[in-house]
Amino acid sequence: MKRHSDYQCNYGCPVEATLDIIGGKWKGVILYHLMERTFRFGELKKTMPDITQHILTKQLRELEKDGLVNRKVYGEVPPRVEYSLTETGESLREIIMNIHSWGSKRFNL
């Protein structure tokens, strides 16, 4: 995955950098669901039945690495892991809702 360290490269660069972080088939969907509430892994997987466990894990790790998702592990047996949006992830709310609105209109959903 391409990562940008210099956002002054050209007019489209911030768009490209943002899409590098939130783009793809599943990241926007994951962020959309996490806007609702905190989810355990299994609960989040149930909201997206077409995603594989491997891909969900990978996407969550990338979102966590990029500072958009918080992963909280509880010291229980079996371990309980919860995912929520960070403050930075929450700052995407308006963007994600605009994408949702556009998609609803565009595809008559």
N, C-alpha and C. Protein backbone atom coordinates (compact mmCIF):
# COMPACT_ATOMS: atom_id res chain seq x y z
N MET A 1 0.84 -1.17 0.00
CA MET A 1 0.00 0.00 0.00
C MET A 1 0.88 1.24 0.00
N LYS A 2 0.54 2.19 -0.82
CA LYS A 2 1.29 3.42 -0.95
C LYS A 2 0.98 4.34 0.24
N ARG A 3 2.00 4.89 0.83
CA ARG A 3 1.81 5.82 1.94
C ARG A 3 2.48 7.14 1.60
N HIS A 4 1.81 8.22 1.91
CA HIS A 4 2.30 9.56 1.60
C HIS A 4 2.87 10.20 2.86
N SER A 5 4.02 10.78 2.71
CA SER A 5 4.58 11.56 3.81
C SER A 5 4.59 13.04 3.47
N ASP A 6 4.41 13.36 2.20
CA ASP A 6 4.42 14.75 1.74
C ASP A 6 3.11 15.03 1.01
N TYR A 7 2.23 15.80 1.64
CA TYR A 7 0.93 16.10 1.04
C TYR A 7 0.96 17.33 0.15
N GLN A 8 2.13 17.89 -0.10
CA GLN A 8 2.23 19.08 -0.94
C GLN A 8 2.62 18.75 -2.38
N CYS A 9 2.48 17.50 -2.80
CA CYS A 9 2.99 17.07 -4.11
C CYS A 9 2.19 17.64 -5.27
N ASN A 10 0.87 17.71 -5.20
CA ASN A 10 0.04 18.33 -6.24
C ASN A 10 -1.39 18.43 -5.72
N TYR A 11 -2.28 18.96 -6.53
CA TYR A 11 -3.65 19.19 -6.07
C TYR A 11 -4.40 17.91 -5.74
N GLY A 12 -4.13 16.82 -6.44
CA GLY A 12 -4.83 15.57 -6.19
C GLY A 12 -4.22 14.72 -5.11
N CYS A 13 -3.04 15.05 -4.65
CA CYS A 13 -2.31 14.22 -3.70
C CYS A 13 -3.06 13.97 -2.39
N PRO A 14 -3.67 14.97 -1.76
CA PRO A 14 -4.41 14.68 -0.53
C PRO A 14 -5.58 13.72 -0.76
N VAL A 15 -6.20 13.81 -1.93
CA VAL A 15 -7.29 12.88 -2.25
C VAL A 15 -6.72 11.47 -2.38
N GLU A 16 -5.63 11.35 -3.10
CA GLU A 16 -4.99 10.04 -3.27
C GLU A 16 -4.54 9.47 -1.93
N ALA A 17 -3.96 10.30 -1.09
CA ALA A 17 -3.48 9.85 0.22
C ALA A 17 -4.64 9.39 1.09
N THR A 18 -5.74 10.13 1.06
CA THR A 18 -6.92 9.75 1.84
C THR A 18 -7.50 8.44 1.34
N LEU A 19 -7.61 8.30 0.03
CA LEU A 19 -8.15 7.06 -0.53
C LEU A 19 -7.22 5.87 -0.29
N ASP A 20 -5.92 6.11 -0.17
CA ASP A 20 -5.00 5.04 0.21
C ASP A 20 -5.35 4.50 1.59
N ILE A 21 -5.82 5.37 2.47
CA ILE A 21 -6.12 4.97 3.85
C ILE A 21 -7.53 4.39 3.98
N ILE A 22 -8.53 5.00 3.35
CA ILE A 22 -9.91 4.55 3.56
C ILE A 22 -10.51 3.85 2.35
N GLY A 23 -9.75 3.75 1.26
CA GLY A 23 -10.28 3.16 0.04
C GLY A 23 -10.32 1.64 0.09
N GLY A 24 -10.83 1.08 -0.97
CA GLY A 24 -10.94 -0.36 -1.07
C GLY A 24 -12.37 -0.81 -0.83
N LYS A 25 -12.58 -2.08 -0.95
CA LYS A 25 -13.93 -2.63 -0.87
C LYS A 25 -14.52 -2.58 0.54
N TRP A 26 -13.71 -2.73 1.57
CA TRP A 26 -14.27 -2.94 2.91
C TRP A 26 -14.02 -1.85 3.93
N LYS A 27 -12.98 -1.05 3.78
CA LYS A 27 -12.66 -0.09 4.85
C LYS A 27 -13.76 0.92 5.10
N GLY A 28 -14.36 1.44 4.04
CA GLY A 28 -15.46 2.39 4.22
C GLY A 28 -16.64 1.75 4.91
N VAL A 29 -16.91 0.50 4.59
CA VAL A 29 -18.03 -0.23 5.21
C VAL A 29 -17.73 -0.46 6.69
N ILE A 30 -16.52 -0.84 7.00
CA ILE A 30 -16.12 -1.04 8.40
C ILE A 30 -16.28 0.27 9.17
N LEU A 31 -15.77 1.35 8.62
CA LEU A 31 -15.88 2.65 9.29
C LEU A 31 -17.34 3.04 9.47
N TYR A 32 -18.17 2.78 8.46
CA TYR A 32 -19.60 3.10 8.55
C TYR A 32 -20.24 2.36 9.73
N HIS A 33 -19.97 1.08 9.86
CA HIS A 33 -20.56 0.32 10.97
C HIS A 33 -20.02 0.79 12.32
N LEU A 34 -18.74 1.09 12.39
CA LEU A 34 -18.17 1.54 13.66
C LEU A 34 -18.65 2.92 14.06
N MET A 35 -19.25 3.66 13.13
CA MET A 35 -19.86 4.94 13.50
C MET A 35 -21.08 4.73 14.39
N GLU A 36 -21.72 3.56 14.26
CA GLU A 36 -22.91 3.24 15.04
C GLU A 36 -22.57 2.99 16.51
N ARG A 37 -21.51 2.18 16.74
CA ARG A 37 -21.18 1.78 18.11
C ARG A 37 -19.87 0.99 18.10
N THR A 38 -19.46 0.57 19.28
CA THR A 38 -18.31 -0.33 19.44
C THR A 38 -18.77 -1.75 19.12
N PHE A 39 -17.93 -2.49 18.40
CA PHE A 39 -18.25 -3.85 18.01
C PHE A 39 -17.17 -4.82 18.48
N ARG A 40 -17.59 -6.01 18.86
CA ARG A 40 -16.65 -7.12 18.99
C ARG A 40 -16.42 -7.66 17.59
N PHE A 41 -15.31 -8.38 17.40
CA PHE A 41 -14.95 -8.87 16.07
C PHE A 41 -16.08 -9.68 15.44
N GLY A 42 -16.61 -10.64 16.17
CA GLY A 42 -17.67 -11.51 15.64
C GLY A 42 -18.92 -10.74 15.26
N GLU A 43 -19.27 -9.74 16.06
CA GLU A 43 -20.44 -8.91 15.75
C GLU A 43 -20.22 -8.13 14.45
N LEU A 44 -19.02 -7.58 14.31
CA LEU A 44 -18.70 -6.82 13.10
C LEU A 44 -18.73 -7.73 11.88
N LYS A 45 -18.20 -8.93 12.03
CA LYS A 45 -18.20 -9.91 10.93
C LYS A 45 -19.64 -10.23 10.50
N LYS A 46 -20.55 -10.35 11.45
CA LYS A 46 -21.96 -10.67 11.14
C LYS A 46 -22.63 -9.54 10.35
N THR A 47 -22.18 -8.31 10.54
CA THR A 47 -22.79 -7.19 9.79
C THR A 47 -22.33 -7.18 8.35
N MET A 48 -21.25 -7.92 8.05
CA MET A 48 -20.69 -7.97 6.70
C MET A 48 -20.45 -9.44 6.33
N PRO A 49 -21.50 -10.18 6.05
CA PRO A 49 -21.35 -11.63 5.83
C PRO A 49 -20.47 -12.01 4.64
N ASP A 50 -20.26 -11.12 3.68
CA ASP A 50 -19.46 -11.45 2.50
C ASP A 50 -17.95 -11.27 2.70
N ILE A 51 -17.54 -10.67 3.80
CA ILE A 51 -16.11 -10.47 4.05
C ILE A 51 -15.56 -11.72 4.74
N THR A 52 -14.35 -12.10 4.38
CA THR A 52 -13.74 -13.24 5.06
C THR A 52 -13.12 -12.77 6.37
N GLN A 53 -12.94 -13.70 7.29
CA GLN A 53 -12.32 -13.37 8.57
C GLN A 53 -10.91 -12.82 8.36
N HIS A 54 -10.18 -13.40 7.43
CA HIS A 54 -8.82 -12.96 7.13
C HIS A 54 -8.80 -11.50 6.65
N ILE A 55 -9.67 -11.17 5.72
CA ILE A 55 -9.71 -9.81 5.18
C ILE A 55 -10.18 -8.82 6.24
N LEU A 56 -11.18 -9.18 7.03
CA LEU A 56 -11.64 -8.28 8.09
C LEU A 56 -10.50 -8.01 9.07
N THR A 57 -9.79 -9.03 9.46
CA THR A 57 -8.65 -8.86 10.37
C THR A 57 -7.61 -7.93 9.74
N LYS A 58 -7.29 -8.16 8.49
CA LYS A 58 -6.29 -7.34 7.78
C LYS A 58 -6.73 -5.88 7.71
N GLN A 59 -7.98 -5.66 7.33
CA GLN A 59 -8.48 -4.29 7.19
C GLN A 59 -8.52 -3.58 8.54
N LEU A 60 -8.95 -4.28 9.58
CA LEU A 60 -8.97 -3.67 10.92
C LEU A 60 -7.56 -3.32 11.38
N ARG A 61 -6.60 -4.18 11.11
CA ARG A 61 -5.20 -3.89 11.49
C ARG A 61 -4.69 -2.65 10.76
N GLU A 62 -5.02 -2.54 9.47
CA GLU A 62 -4.58 -1.36 8.71
C GLU A 62 -5.25 -0.10 9.22
N LEU A 63 -6.54 -0.17 9.51
CA LEU A 63 -7.25 1.00 10.04
C LEU A 63 -6.71 1.39 11.42
N GLU A 64 -6.34 0.39 12.21
CA GLU A 64 -5.74 0.66 13.52
C GLU A 64 -4.36 1.31 13.34
N LYS A 65 -3.57 0.77 12.44
CA LYS A 65 -2.23 1.32 12.17
C LYS A 65 -2.32 2.77 11.71
N ASP A 66 -3.34 3.09 10.92
CA ASP A 66 -3.52 4.45 10.41
C ASP A 66 -4.21 5.37 11.41
N GLY A 67 -4.51 4.86 12.60
CA GLY A 67 -5.05 5.70 13.66
C GLY A 67 -6.54 5.98 13.56
N LEU A 68 -7.28 5.18 12.78
CA LEU A 68 -8.72 5.40 12.62
C LEU A 68 -9.56 4.52 13.52
N VAL A 69 -9.02 3.39 13.90
CA VAL A 69 -9.76 2.41 14.71
C VAL A 69 -8.96 2.09 15.96
N ASN A 70 -9.67 2.00 17.07
CA ASN A 70 -9.08 1.61 18.34
C ASN A 70 -9.41 0.14 18.59
N ARG A 71 -8.43 -0.64 18.99
CA ARG A 71 -8.60 -2.05 19.33
C ARG A 71 -8.33 -2.20 20.81
N LYS A 72 -9.35 -2.65 21.55
CA LYS A 72 -9.21 -2.81 23.00
C LYS A 72 -9.33 -4.29 23.34
N VAL A 73 -8.28 -4.82 23.98
CA VAL A 73 -8.26 -6.22 24.38
C VAL A 73 -8.49 -6.30 25.88
N TYR A 74 -9.45 -7.12 26.27
CA TYR A 74 -9.75 -7.32 27.67
C TYR A 74 -9.03 -8.58 28.14
N GLY A 75 -8.48 -8.54 29.35
CA GLY A 75 -7.75 -9.67 29.91
C GLY A 75 -8.68 -10.72 30.46
N GLU A 76 -9.44 -11.34 29.60
CA GLU A 76 -10.39 -12.37 29.99
C GLU A 76 -10.06 -13.66 29.24
N VAL A 77 -10.64 -14.75 29.71
CA VAL A 77 -10.51 -16.02 29.00
C VAL A 77 -11.92 -16.49 28.67
N PRO A 78 -12.26 -16.65 27.39
CA PRO A 78 -11.46 -16.31 26.23
C PRO A 78 -11.33 -14.78 26.08
N PRO A 79 -10.29 -14.35 25.38
CA PRO A 79 -10.07 -12.90 25.24
C PRO A 79 -11.23 -12.22 24.51
N ARG A 80 -11.54 -11.04 24.98
CA ARG A 80 -12.57 -10.22 24.34
C ARG A 80 -11.88 -9.03 23.71
N VAL A 81 -12.16 -8.78 22.43
CA VAL A 81 -11.56 -7.67 21.70
C VAL A 81 -12.68 -6.81 21.14
N GLU A 82 -12.59 -5.52 21.38
CA GLU A 82 -13.59 -4.58 20.86
C GLU A 82 -12.93 -3.55 19.97
N TYR A 83 -13.69 -3.13 18.95
CA TYR A 83 -13.21 -2.14 17.99
C TYR A 83 -14.14 -0.93 18.02
N SER A 84 -13.53 0.24 17.99
CA SER A 84 -14.28 1.49 17.96
C SER A 84 -13.48 2.51 17.15
N LEU A 85 -14.13 3.60 16.82
CA LEU A 85 -13.45 4.67 16.10
C LEU A 85 -12.62 5.50 17.06
N THR A 86 -11.47 5.92 16.59
CA THR A 86 -10.67 6.90 17.33
C THR A 86 -11.25 8.28 17.03
N GLU A 87 -10.70 9.29 17.64
CA GLU A 87 -11.12 10.66 17.33
C GLU A 87 -10.86 10.97 15.85
N THR A 88 -9.73 10.50 15.34
CA THR A 88 -9.41 10.71 13.92
C THR A 88 -10.41 9.97 13.04
N GLY A 89 -10.73 8.74 13.42
CA GLY A 89 -11.73 7.98 12.67
C GLY A 89 -13.09 8.66 12.71
N GLU A 90 -13.44 9.17 13.86
CA GLU A 90 -14.71 9.88 14.02
C GLU A 90 -14.76 11.12 13.13
N SER A 91 -13.60 11.73 12.86
CA SER A 91 -13.57 12.93 12.02
C SER A 91 -13.96 12.61 10.57
N LEU A 92 -14.03 11.34 10.21
CA LEU A 92 -14.47 10.93 8.87
C LEU A 92 -15.99 10.78 8.76
N ARG A 93 -16.71 10.97 9.85
CA ARG A 93 -18.16 10.75 9.86
C ARG A 93 -18.88 11.47 8.72
N GLU A 94 -18.63 12.75 8.55
CA GLU A 94 -19.31 13.51 7.51
C GLU A 94 -18.98 12.98 6.12
N ILE A 95 -17.72 12.62 5.91
CA ILE A 95 -17.31 12.07 4.61
C ILE A 95 -18.01 10.75 4.34
N ILE A 96 -18.01 9.86 5.31
CA ILE A 96 -18.65 8.54 5.15
C ILE A 96 -20.15 8.70 4.93
N MET A 97 -20.78 9.61 5.65
CA MET A 97 -22.22 9.83 5.48
C MET A 97 -22.52 10.44 4.11
N ASN A 98 -21.64 11.30 3.62
CA ASN A 98 -21.81 11.85 2.27
C ASN A 98 -21.68 10.76 1.21
N ILE A 99 -20.75 9.85 1.40
CA ILE A 99 -20.61 8.71 0.48
C ILE A 99 -21.86 7.85 0.54
N HIS A 100 -22.38 7.62 1.73
CA HIS A 100 -23.62 6.84 1.92
C HIS A 100 -24.78 7.52 1.19
N SER A 101 -24.92 8.81 1.37
CA SER A 101 -26.00 9.56 0.74
C SER A 101 -25.87 9.53 -0.79
N TRP A 102 -24.67 9.75 -1.29
CA TRP A 102 -24.44 9.72 -2.73
C TRP A 102 -24.78 8.35 -3.30
N GLY A 103 -24.33 7.29 -2.64
CA GLY A 103 -24.60 5.93 -3.09
C GLY A 103 -26.09 5.62 -3.07
N SER A 104 -26.79 6.08 -2.04
CA SER A 104 -28.23 5.85 -1.95
C SER A 104 -28.96 6.49 -3.12
N LYS A 105 -28.58 7.72 -3.44
CA LYS A 105 -29.21 8.43 -4.57
C LYS A 105 -28.82 7.80 -5.90
N ARG A 106 -27.55 7.53 -6.06
CA ARG A 106 -27.03 7.01 -7.34
C ARG A 106 -27.60 5.64 -7.69
N PHE A 107 -27.76 4.80 -6.69
CA PHE A 107 -28.21 3.43 -6.93
C PHE A 107 -29.65 3.18 -6.48
N ASN A 108 -30.38 4.28 -6.19
CA ASN A 108 -31.79 4.20 -5.77
C ASN A 108 -32.01 3.20 -4.64
N LEU A 109 -31.20 3.31 -3.61
CA LEU A 109 -31.31 2.38 -2.47
C LEU A 109 -32.04 3.02 -1.32
